[in-house]
C-alpha atoms as a PDB file:
ATOM      1  CA  UNK A   1      -5.502  26.033  -7.613  1.00  0.00           C
ATOM      2  CA  UNK A   2      -1.986  23.819  -7.479  1.00  0.00           C
ATOM      3  CA  UNK A   3      -4.178  20.759  -6.511  1.00  0.00           C
ATOM      4  CA  UNK A   4      -5.598  20.530 -10.369  1.00  0.00           C
ATOM      5  CA  UNK A   5      -2.626  20.451 -12.205  1.00  0.00           C
ATOM      6  CA  UNK A   6      -2.497  17.609 -14.714  1.00  0.00           C
ATOM      7  CA  UNK A   7       1.068  18.747 -16.053  1.00  0.00           C
ATOM      8  CA  UNK A   8       2.281  16.829 -19.247  1.00  0.00           C
ATOM      9  CA  UNK A   9      -0.067  13.950 -18.671  1.00  0.00           C
ATOM     10  CA  UNK A  10      -2.793  14.680 -21.317  1.00  0.00           C
ATOM     11  CA  UNK A  11      -0.413  15.554 -24.044  1.00  0.00           C
ATOM     12  CA  UNK A  12       1.622  12.520 -23.524  1.00  0.00           C
ATOM     13  CA  UNK A  13      -1.763  10.539 -23.978  1.00  0.00           C
ATOM     14  CA  UNK A  14      -3.065  12.532 -26.690  1.00  0.00           C
ATOM     15  CA  UNK A  15       0.565  11.782 -28.238  1.00  0.00           C
ATOM     16  CA  UNK A  16       0.367   7.813 -27.722  1.00  0.00           C
ATOM     17  CA  UNK A  17      -3.172   7.522 -28.648  1.00  0.00           C
ATOM     18  CA  UNK A  18      -3.123   9.984 -32.100  1.00  0.00           C
ATOM     19  CA  UNK A  19       0.443   8.455 -33.291  1.00  0.00           C
ATOM     20  CA  UNK A  20      -0.743   5.213 -32.670  1.00  0.00           C
ATOM     21  CA  UNK A  21      -3.973   5.687 -35.217  1.00  0.00           C
ATOM     22  CA  UNK A  22      -2.095   7.993 -37.685  1.00  0.00           C
ATOM     23  CA  UNK A  23       0.714   5.652 -38.023  1.00  0.00           C
ATOM     24  CA  UNK A  24      -1.818   2.647 -38.844  1.00  0.00           C
ATOM     25  CA  UNK A  25      -3.900   4.684 -40.626  1.00  0.00           C
ATOM     26  CA  UNK A  26      -1.050   6.113 -42.883  1.00  0.00           C
ATOM     27  CA  UNK A  27       0.274   2.241 -43.242  1.00  0.00           C
ATOM     28  CA  UNK A  28      -3.022   0.714 -44.209  1.00  0.00           C
ATOM     29  CA  UNK A  29      -3.010   3.983 -46.952  1.00  0.00           C
ATOM     30  CA  UNK A  30       0.043   3.078 -48.452  1.00  0.00           C
ATOM     31  CA  UNK A  31      -0.574  -0.736 -48.510  1.00  0.00           C
ATOM     32  CA  UNK A  32      -3.923  -0.641 -49.885  1.00  0.00           C
ATOM     33  CA  UNK A  33      -3.433   2.283 -52.375  1.00  0.00           C
ATOM     34  CA  UNK A  34       0.260   2.960 -52.758  1.00  0.00           C
ATOM     35  CA  UNK A  35      -0.231   7.104 -53.087  1.00  0.00           C
ATOM     36  CA  UNK A  36       2.458   9.508 -53.508  1.00  0.00           C
ATOM     37  CA  UNK A  37       4.414  10.896 -50.507  1.00  0.00           C
ATOM     38  CA  UNK A  38       2.561  14.362 -50.754  1.00  0.00           C
ATOM     39  CA  UNK A  39      -1.033  12.576 -50.456  1.00  0.00           C
ATOM     40  CA  UNK A  40       0.246  11.659 -46.710  1.00  0.00           C
ATOM     41  CA  UNK A  41       1.648  14.737 -45.972  1.00  0.00           C
ATOM     42  CA  UNK A  42      -1.680  16.479 -46.949  1.00  0.00           C
ATOM     43  CA  UNK A  43      -4.105  14.194 -45.375  1.00  0.00           C
ATOM     44  CA  UNK A  44      -2.588  12.888 -42.468  1.00  0.00           C
ATOM     45  CA  UNK A  45      -0.527  15.771 -41.373  1.00  0.00           C
ATOM     46  CA  UNK A  46      -3.290  18.005 -40.846  1.00  0.00           C
ATOM     47  CA  UNK A  47      -5.531  15.210 -39.612  1.00  0.00           C
ATOM     48  CA  UNK A  48      -2.378  14.562 -36.843  1.00  0.00           C
ATOM     49  CA  UNK A  49      -3.054  18.610 -35.913  1.00  0.00           C
ATOM     50  CA  UNK A  50      -6.639  18.831 -35.611  1.00  0.00           C
ATOM     51  CA  UNK A  51      -7.300  15.073 -33.635  1.00  0.00           C
ATOM     52  CA  UNK A  52      -3.910  16.708 -31.164  1.00  0.00           C
ATOM     53  CA  UNK A  53      -5.877  19.858 -30.630  1.00  0.00           C
ATOM     54  CA  UNK A  54      -9.402  18.504 -30.523  1.00  0.00           C
ATOM     55  CA  UNK A  55      -8.485  15.890 -27.624  1.00  0.00           C
ATOM     56  CA  UNK A  56      -6.301  18.002 -25.374  1.00  0.00           C
ATOM     57  CA  UNK A  57      -8.929  19.829 -23.654  1.00  0.00           C
ATOM     58  CA  UNK A  58     -10.905  16.441 -23.017  1.00  0.00           C
ATOM     59  CA  UNK A  59      -7.957  14.529 -22.075  1.00  0.00           C
ATOM     60  CA  UNK A  60      -6.993  17.647 -19.390  1.00  0.00           C
ATOM     61  CA  UNK A  61     -10.301  17.296 -17.915  1.00  0.00           C
ATOM     62  CA  UNK A  62     -10.457  13.759 -17.397  1.00  0.00           C
ATOM     63  CA  UNK A  63      -7.004  13.502 -15.628  1.00  0.00           C
ATOM     64  CA  UNK A  64      -7.867  16.610 -13.621  1.00  0.00           C
ATOM     65  CA  UNK A  65     -11.467  14.957 -12.984  1.00  0.00           C
ATOM     66  CA  UNK A  66      -9.575  11.710 -12.132  1.00  0.00           C
ATOM     67  CA  UNK A  67      -7.261  13.955  -9.470  1.00  0.00           C
ATOM     68  CA  UNK A  68     -10.305  15.033  -7.892  1.00  0.00           C
ATOM     69  CA  UNK A  69     -11.992  11.589  -7.714  1.00  0.00           C
ATOM     70  CA  UNK A  70      -8.834   9.845  -6.533  1.00  0.00           C
ATOM     71  CA  UNK A  71      -8.019  12.805  -3.989  1.00  0.00           C
ATOM     72  CA  UNK A  72      -4.473  12.980  -5.505  1.00  0.00           C
ATOM     73  CA  UNK A  73      -2.018  15.179  -3.940  1.00  0.00           C
ATOM     74  CA  UNK A  74       1.444  16.316  -4.958  1.00  0.00           C
ATOM     75  CA  UNK A  75       4.101  13.607  -3.849  1.00  0.00           C
ATOM     76  CA  UNK A  76       6.368  14.395  -0.923  1.00  0.00           C
ATOM     77  CA  UNK A  77       8.308  13.060   1.550  1.00  0.00           C
ATOM     78  CA  UNK A  78       6.493  11.661   4.829  1.00  0.00           C
ATOM     79  CA  UNK A  79       8.445  12.982   7.491  1.00  0.00           C
ATOM     80  CA  UNK A  80       8.190  16.669   6.458  1.00  0.00           C
END
């Protein structure tokens, strides 16, 4: 089923979304509480990995559903 290929789209969106959330959360915690660096690593590194893994499957489903809904097809030349 070549038409249902979402490619790298879900990963890109997840990197942007989770990266924003983790950067904002880390900066907020740093300014509010001033914890040591190891606290950031212990809290935010596993949280980042878990969020990325948790969001990957639903985001892929959303992008494949959007392809079917919009009847997207592979880009090609018009003269062939």
